[in-house]
Amino acid sequence: MELQTLTQFFMWSSILNGSILILWTGLFMFAPNLVYRLQSFWFPIPREKFTVVMYSFLGVFKLLFIIFNITPYLALLIIAG
């Protein structure tokens, strides 16, 4: 696989996953009651636990995003440049 193809793959992967992270964080920050009502409809969970779980998932997703999207993309940019 060519270096430019890999660079473009990680660029678009970073854009898409970054958009998901921003959307998820925005919904959790600005409409937490809506998110809680939607999720508690399927999974009955106390509000305090829900907040901890959502915050933990956001942290894990952010770390995985940095490790598996941003870092390889930056490394490919360094190699190509």
C-alpha atoms as a PDB file:
ATOM      1  CA  MET A   1       0.000   0.000   0.000  1.00  0.00           C
ATOM      2  CA  GLU A   2       1.299   3.437  -0.877  1.00  0.00           C
ATOM      3  CA  LEU A   3       2.256   6.008   1.713  1.00  0.00           C
ATOM      4  CA  GLN A   4      -0.164   8.590   0.312  1.00  0.00           C
ATOM      5  CA  THR A   5      -3.075   6.138   0.423  1.00  0.00           C
ATOM      6  CA  LEU A   6      -2.364   5.339   4.073  1.00  0.00           C
ATOM      7  CA  THR A   7      -2.048   9.035   4.886  1.00  0.00           C
ATOM      8  CA  GLN A   8      -5.413   9.783   3.288  1.00  0.00           C
ATOM      9  CA  PHE A   9      -7.001   6.823   5.069  1.00  0.00           C
ATOM     10  CA  PHE A  10      -5.838   8.035   8.482  1.00  0.00           C
ATOM     11  CA  MET A  11      -6.772  11.615   7.639  1.00  0.00           C
ATOM     12  CA  TRP A  12     -10.378  10.675   6.822  1.00  0.00           C
ATOM     13  CA  SER A  13     -10.526   8.243   9.705  1.00  0.00           C
ATOM     14  CA  SER A  14      -9.401  11.024  12.049  1.00  0.00           C
ATOM     15  CA  ILE A  15     -11.963  13.448  10.612  1.00  0.00           C
ATOM     16  CA  LEU A  16     -14.839  10.976  10.948  1.00  0.00           C
ATOM     17  CA  ASN A  17     -13.905   9.750  14.422  1.00  0.00           C
ATOM     18  CA  GLY A  18     -13.169  13.302  15.578  1.00  0.00           C
ATOM     19  CA  SER A  19     -16.607  14.359  14.365  1.00  0.00           C
ATOM     20  CA  ILE A  20     -18.209  11.510  16.300  1.00  0.00           C
ATOM     21  CA  LEU A  21     -16.264  12.510  19.413  1.00  0.00           C
ATOM     22  CA  ILE A  22     -17.287  16.159  19.094  1.00  0.00           C
ATOM     23  CA  LEU A  23     -20.941  15.263  18.469  1.00  0.00           C
ATOM     24  CA  TRP A  24     -21.016  12.813  21.380  1.00  0.00           C
ATOM     25  CA  THR A  25     -19.362  15.320  23.723  1.00  0.00           C
ATOM     26  CA  GLY A  26     -21.652  18.115  22.576  1.00  0.00           C
ATOM     27  CA  LEU A  27     -24.778  16.044  23.124  1.00  0.00           C
ATOM     28  CA  PHE A  28     -23.552  14.938  26.524  1.00  0.00           C
ATOM     29  CA  MET A  29     -22.697  18.524  27.548  1.00  0.00           C
ATOM     30  CA  PHE A  30     -25.656  20.443  26.112  1.00  0.00           C
ATOM     31  CA  ALA A  31     -28.484  17.868  26.157  1.00  0.00           C
ATOM     32  CA  PRO A  32     -27.692  15.425  28.963  1.00  0.00           C
ATOM     33  CA  ASN A  33     -31.353  14.917  29.883  1.00  0.00           C
ATOM     34  CA  LEU A  34     -32.234  13.945  26.313  1.00  0.00           C
ATOM     35  CA  VAL A  35     -29.372  11.458  26.141  1.00  0.00           C
ATOM     36  CA  TYR A  36     -30.279  10.009  29.529  1.00  0.00           C
ATOM     37  CA  ARG A  37     -33.959   9.616  28.600  1.00  0.00           C
ATOM     38  CA  LEU A  38     -33.101   7.916  25.307  1.00  0.00           C
ATOM     39  CA  GLN A  39     -30.659   5.509  26.912  1.00  0.00           C
ATOM     40  CA  SER A  40     -32.687   4.783  30.035  1.00  0.00           C
ATOM     41  CA  PHE A  41     -35.586   3.740  27.825  1.00  0.00           C
ATOM     42  CA  TRP A  42     -33.582   0.652  26.786  1.00  0.00           C
ATOM     43  CA  PHE A  43     -31.226   0.261  29.738  1.00  0.00           C
ATOM     44  CA  PRO A  44     -32.619   1.215  33.146  1.00  0.00           C
ATOM     45  CA  ILE A  45     -29.730   2.791  35.036  1.00  0.00           C
ATOM     46  CA  PRO A  46     -29.552   5.417  37.807  1.00  0.00           C
ATOM     47  CA  ARG A  47     -28.616   8.916  36.648  1.00  0.00           C
ATOM     48  CA  GLU A  48     -25.392   9.035  38.692  1.00  0.00           C
ATOM     49  CA  LYS A  49     -24.106   5.782  37.213  1.00  0.00           C
ATOM     50  CA  PHE A  50     -25.119   6.901  33.743  1.00  0.00           C
ATOM     51  CA  THR A  51     -23.040  10.051  34.060  1.00  0.00           C
ATOM     52  CA  VAL A  52     -19.997   8.078  35.219  1.00  0.00           C
ATOM     53  CA  VAL A  53     -20.391   5.512  32.438  1.00  0.00           C
ATOM     54  CA  MET A  54     -20.792   8.179  29.730  1.00  0.00           C
ATOM     55  CA  TYR A  55     -17.809  10.140  31.037  1.00  0.00           C
ATOM     56  CA  SER A  56     -15.708   6.950  31.121  1.00  0.00           C
ATOM     57  CA  PHE A  57     -16.726   5.976  27.585  1.00  0.00           C
ATOM     58  CA  LEU A  58     -15.868   9.466  26.338  1.00  0.00           C
ATOM     59  CA  GLY A  59     -12.433   9.220  27.953  1.00  0.00           C
ATOM     60  CA  VAL A  60     -11.735   5.791  26.488  1.00  0.00           C
ATOM     61  CA  PHE A  61     -12.957   6.861  23.045  1.00  0.00           C
ATOM     62  CA  LYS A  62     -10.754   9.963  23.180  1.00  0.00           C
ATOM     63  CA  LEU A  63      -7.687   7.929  24.119  1.00  0.00           C
ATOM     64  CA  LEU A  64      -8.351   5.353  21.391  1.00  0.00           C
ATOM     65  CA  PHE A  65      -8.928   8.181  18.909  1.00  0.00           C
ATOM     66  CA  ILE A  66      -5.570   9.728  19.737  1.00  0.00           C
ATOM     67  CA  ILE A  67      -3.689   6.420  19.758  1.00  0.00           C
ATOM     68  CA  PHE A  68      -5.204   4.792  16.675  1.00  0.00           C
ATOM     69  CA  ASN A  69      -6.064   7.795  14.479  1.00  0.00           C
ATOM     70  CA  ILE A  70      -4.089  10.918  15.280  1.00  0.00           C
ATOM     71  CA  THR A  71      -0.745   9.322  16.119  1.00  0.00           C
ATOM     72  CA  PRO A  72      -0.480   7.192  12.928  1.00  0.00           C
ATOM     73  CA  TYR A  73      -1.633  10.142  10.821  1.00  0.00           C
ATOM     74  CA  LEU A  74       1.024  12.432  12.307  1.00  0.00           C
ATOM     75  CA  ALA A  75       3.682   9.728  11.915  1.00  0.00           C
ATOM     76  CA  LEU A  76       2.777   9.314   8.238  1.00  0.00           C
ATOM     77  CA  LEU A  77       2.930  13.070   7.720  1.00  0.00           C
ATOM     78  CA  ILE A  78       6.393  13.144   9.289  1.00  0.00           C
ATOM     79  CA  ILE A  79       7.613  10.242   7.127  1.00  0.00           C
ATOM     80  CA  ALA A  80       6.205  11.781   3.936  1.00  0.00           C
ATOM     81  CA  GLY A  81       7.527  15.258   4.624  1.00  0.00           C
END
